[in-house]
Amino acid sequence: MSTTDHAEPAPRRRRGRPGHDQSAILRAAVELFNRRGYDATSMGDLAKELGLTKPAIYHHVTSKEQLLGQALDDALDELTAVVTEASRERAGVSAYERLREVVRRSVEVLVAHQPSVTLLLRVRGNSEVELAALGRRRWLDDRLAALVADAVAEGALRDNVPPALVSRLLFGMVNSLVEWYRPDGTYDQAMVADAITAIAFDGLASHET
């Protein structure tokens, strides 16, 4: 090509505010749902929070309910994977060991997804999306109670507390982190995971083992 040939013009960049992609909109929506309450938050409120128009938001999502569903999936998907793995029997790994591991990893999931988990713990089943999330939570509760029962059957845990109650108490402790844990606070994730696991299982361990 000679120096007199004209190069094709570079494609024009699409104009728009940086940072306002779908993930940024979801993060802002979760923060707003937690602060104001899901039912009390409108798409207009979200648009104002982001400094966008409602049509700009609808370019990325179809509804407020879709944002809620994405947030709840963010909270539930990784936790479901953790519990599914813990529920799978593995040679040389006891139910007790798998239960300890699922408690520790649940702390990690909560810390990594704290805003979404906070929102999950506040849903009450007022929509199909919320009912579906509550159904997934019940599945997790059932799997965890079964894992506790297996650990009891091994003789690793005391047998005078119902497994379903043990499961609720264990994960009630983990879920309480949403109320006070701050990533930039006094305690880091590893310290909190160690403390919850040690306190829970030192208290639950059978005196016969």
Protein backbone atom coordinates (compact mmCIF):
# COMPACT_ATOMS: atom_id res chain seq x y z
CA MET A 1 0.00 0.00 0.00
CA SER A 2 1.44 3.43 -0.93
CA THR A 3 1.63 6.31 1.45
CA THR A 4 -1.13 8.03 -0.50
CA ASP A 5 -3.63 5.21 0.12
CA HIS A 6 -6.24 5.96 2.72
CA ALA A 7 -6.57 3.51 5.59
CA GLU A 8 -10.05 2.46 6.57
CA PRO A 9 -11.36 4.55 9.44
CA ALA A 10 -11.25 2.87 12.86
CA PRO A 11 -14.63 1.72 14.07
CA ARG A 12 -16.35 4.19 16.34
CA ARG A 13 -16.65 3.14 19.93
CA ARG A 14 -20.10 2.88 21.40
CA ARG A 15 -20.70 5.70 23.79
CA GLY A 16 -21.84 4.95 27.30
CA ARG A 17 -20.86 5.28 30.88
CA PRO A 18 -18.03 2.97 31.89
CA GLY A 19 -18.74 0.30 34.46
CA HIS A 20 -22.46 0.03 33.82
CA ASP A 21 -22.53 -3.45 32.37
CA GLN A 22 -24.88 -6.20 33.52
CA SER A 23 -22.65 -7.27 36.42
CA ALA A 24 -22.38 -3.69 37.68
CA ILE A 25 -26.15 -3.30 37.47
CA LEU A 26 -26.62 -6.54 39.42
CA ARG A 27 -24.19 -5.44 42.15
CA ALA A 28 -25.98 -2.12 42.51
CA ALA A 29 -29.37 -3.84 42.58
CA VAL A 30 -28.33 -6.24 45.34
CA GLU A 31 -26.93 -3.39 47.43
CA LEU A 32 -30.14 -1.42 46.95
CA PHE A 33 -32.40 -4.41 47.68
CA ASN A 34 -30.50 -5.01 50.91
CA ARG A 35 -30.62 -1.36 51.92
CA ARG A 36 -34.21 -0.52 51.00
CA GLY A 37 -35.87 -3.93 50.76
CA TYR A 38 -36.67 -5.72 47.52
CA ASP A 39 -40.39 -4.91 47.49
CA ALA A 40 -39.74 -1.24 48.24
CA THR A 41 -37.20 -0.83 45.42
CA SER A 42 -38.28 0.06 41.90
CA MET A 43 -36.39 0.01 38.65
CA GLY A 44 -36.62 3.80 38.77
CA ASP A 45 -34.79 3.74 42.10
CA LEU A 46 -32.09 1.55 40.57
CA ALA A 47 -31.75 3.85 37.56
CA LYS A 48 -31.36 6.84 39.88
CA GLU A 49 -28.77 4.97 41.96
CA LEU A 50 -26.70 4.25 38.84
CA GLY A 51 -27.26 7.59 37.16
CA LEU A 52 -28.85 5.86 34.16
CA THR A 53 -32.20 5.93 32.45
CA LYS A 54 -34.59 3.00 32.87
CA PRO A 55 -34.29 2.10 29.16
CA ALA A 56 -30.50 1.84 29.62
CA ILE A 57 -31.07 -0.72 32.39
CA TYR A 58 -33.66 -2.61 30.36
CA HIS A 59 -31.00 -2.99 27.67
CA HIS A 60 -29.30 -5.45 30.07
CA VAL A 61 -32.17 -7.00 32.08
CA THR A 62 -35.87 -7.52 31.55
CA SER A 63 -37.20 -6.89 35.03
CA LYS A 64 -36.50 -6.35 38.72
CA GLU A 65 -37.47 -9.97 39.29
CA GLN A 66 -34.77 -11.13 36.88
CA LEU A 67 -32.19 -9.22 38.92
CA LEU A 68 -33.50 -10.87 42.08
CA GLY A 69 -33.24 -14.30 40.48
CA GLN A 70 -29.67 -13.67 39.35
CA ALA A 71 -28.70 -12.49 42.84
CA LEU A 72 -30.25 -15.52 44.53
CA ASP A 73 -28.57 -17.87 42.06
CA ASP A 74 -25.27 -16.17 42.86
CA ALA A 75 -25.84 -16.98 46.52
CA LEU A 76 -27.05 -20.53 45.96
CA ASP A 77 -25.05 -22.00 43.06
CA GLU A 78 -21.66 -22.28 44.75
CA LEU A 79 -23.16 -23.38 48.06
CA THR A 80 -25.13 -26.08 46.24
CA ALA A 81 -21.90 -27.31 44.64
CA VAL A 82 -20.18 -27.40 48.06
CA VAL A 83 -23.00 -29.37 49.69
CA THR A 84 -23.34 -31.73 46.73
CA GLU A 85 -19.63 -32.54 46.93
CA ALA A 86 -19.80 -33.05 50.69
CA SER A 87 -22.78 -35.38 50.33
CA ARG A 88 -20.86 -37.66 47.98
CA GLU A 89 -19.28 -40.62 49.74
CA ARG A 90 -15.53 -40.90 49.13
CA ALA A 91 -13.19 -43.69 50.09
CA GLY A 92 -11.20 -42.87 53.20
CA VAL A 93 -13.18 -39.70 53.99
CA SER A 94 -15.71 -39.93 56.82
CA ALA A 95 -19.03 -38.13 56.97
CA TYR A 96 -17.66 -36.23 59.96
CA GLU A 97 -14.71 -34.97 57.92
CA ARG A 98 -16.99 -34.00 55.05
CA LEU A 99 -19.30 -32.16 57.46
CA ARG A 100 -16.41 -30.17 58.93
CA GLU A 101 -15.26 -29.31 55.41
CA VAL A 102 -18.70 -28.15 54.29
CA VAL A 103 -18.95 -25.83 57.29
CA ARG A 104 -15.55 -24.32 56.50
CA ARG A 105 -16.29 -23.94 52.80
CA SER A 106 -19.71 -22.43 53.56
CA VAL A 107 -17.92 -19.64 55.40
CA GLU A 108 -15.78 -19.06 52.31
CA VAL A 109 -18.85 -18.95 50.07
CA LEU A 110 -20.64 -16.52 52.36
CA VAL A 111 -17.66 -14.18 52.52
CA ALA A 112 -17.20 -14.27 48.74
CA HIS A 113 -20.91 -13.67 48.09
CA GLN A 114 -21.95 -11.80 51.22
CA PRO A 115 -24.36 -9.25 49.63
CA SER A 116 -26.21 -11.97 47.69
CA VAL A 117 -26.33 -14.31 50.69
CA THR A 118 -27.68 -11.45 52.82
CA LEU A 119 -30.46 -10.98 50.29
CA LEU A 120 -31.15 -14.73 50.18
CA LEU A 121 -31.59 -14.88 53.95
CA ARG A 122 -34.22 -12.13 53.76
CA VAL A 123 -36.54 -13.59 51.13
CA ARG A 124 -39.95 -14.70 52.35
CA GLY A 125 -41.51 -16.43 49.35
CA ASN A 126 -43.51 -13.49 48.00
CA SER A 127 -42.86 -14.40 44.34
CA GLU A 128 -42.10 -17.42 42.18
CA VAL A 129 -38.42 -16.49 42.17
CA GLU A 130 -38.35 -16.35 45.97
CA LEU A 131 -40.28 -19.61 46.31
CA ALA A 132 -37.79 -21.34 44.01
CA ALA A 133 -34.90 -20.04 46.12
CA LEU A 134 -36.57 -21.23 49.31
CA GLY A 135 -37.03 -24.64 47.71
CA ARG A 136 -33.31 -24.80 46.97
CA ARG A 137 -32.55 -23.82 50.57
CA ARG A 138 -34.76 -26.65 51.84
CA TRP A 139 -32.85 -29.08 49.63
CA LEU A 140 -29.59 -27.87 51.16
CA ASP A 141 -31.03 -28.23 54.67
CA ASP A 142 -32.11 -31.80 53.91
CA ARG A 143 -28.71 -32.80 52.52
CA LEU A 144 -26.89 -31.28 55.47
CA ALA A 145 -29.18 -32.97 58.00
CA ALA A 146 -28.50 -36.29 56.26
CA LEU A 147 -24.76 -35.66 56.49
CA VAL A 148 -25.09 -34.93 60.21
CA ALA A 149 -27.05 -38.18 60.63
CA ASP A 150 -24.27 -40.09 58.86
CA ALA A 151 -21.69 -38.54 61.20
CA VAL A 152 -23.84 -39.55 64.19
CA ALA A 153 -24.07 -43.10 62.83
CA GLU A 154 -20.26 -43.19 62.65
CA GLY A 155 -20.13 -42.32 66.35
CA ALA A 156 -18.35 -39.05 65.65
CA LEU A 157 -21.17 -36.79 66.89
CA ARG A 158 -23.41 -37.00 69.93
CA ASP A 159 -26.69 -38.76 69.24
CA ASN A 160 -28.99 -36.93 71.67
CA VAL A 161 -29.64 -33.93 69.39
CA PRO A 162 -31.79 -34.35 66.25
CA PRO A 163 -29.66 -34.07 63.06
CA ALA A 164 -32.00 -31.48 61.52
CA LEU A 165 -31.57 -29.27 64.60
CA VAL A 166 -27.79 -29.70 64.53
CA SER A 167 -27.77 -28.68 60.87
CA ARG A 168 -29.86 -25.58 61.56
CA LEU A 169 -27.62 -24.56 64.47
CA LEU A 170 -24.41 -25.09 62.51
CA PHE A 171 -25.49 -23.09 59.51
CA GLY A 172 -27.32 -20.53 61.61
CA MET A 173 -23.87 -19.78 63.04
CA VAL A 174 -22.41 -19.49 59.55
CA ASN A 175 -25.30 -17.34 58.30
CA SER A 176 -24.93 -14.95 61.26
CA LEU A 177 -21.79 -13.63 59.53
CA VAL A 178 -23.96 -11.52 57.23
CA GLU A 179 -24.88 -9.36 60.22
CA TRP A 180 -21.40 -8.47 61.39
CA TYR A 181 -18.57 -9.76 59.19
CA ARG A 182 -16.64 -7.14 57.20
CA PRO A 183 -13.80 -8.14 54.83
CA ASP A 184 -11.74 -5.18 56.06
CA GLY A 185 -12.50 -5.83 59.72
CA THR A 186 -10.52 -7.36 62.57
CA TYR A 187 -10.92 -11.00 61.55
CA ASP A 188 -9.96 -12.45 58.21
CA GLN A 189 -11.86 -15.22 56.44
CA ALA A 190 -9.48 -18.00 57.52
CA MET A 191 -9.64 -17.01 61.18
CA VAL A 192 -13.44 -16.93 61.14
CA ALA A 193 -13.67 -20.29 59.35
CA ASP A 194 -11.25 -21.83 61.86
CA ALA A 195 -13.17 -20.42 64.83
CA ILE A 196 -16.60 -21.53 63.66
CA THR A 197 -15.38 -25.01 62.77
CA ALA A 198 -13.50 -25.45 66.06
CA ILE A 199 -16.29 -24.13 68.28
CA ALA A 200 -19.00 -26.11 66.51
CA PHE A 201 -17.22 -29.44 66.40
CA ASP A 202 -15.45 -29.29 69.73
CA GLY A 203 -18.89 -28.86 71.21
CA LEU A 204 -20.48 -31.58 69.08
CA ALA A 205 -17.76 -34.22 69.22
CA SER A 206 -18.77 -37.44 70.95
CA HIS A 207 -17.02 -38.06 74.29
CA GLU A 208 -16.74 -41.71 73.29
CA THR A 209 -14.36 -41.00 70.38
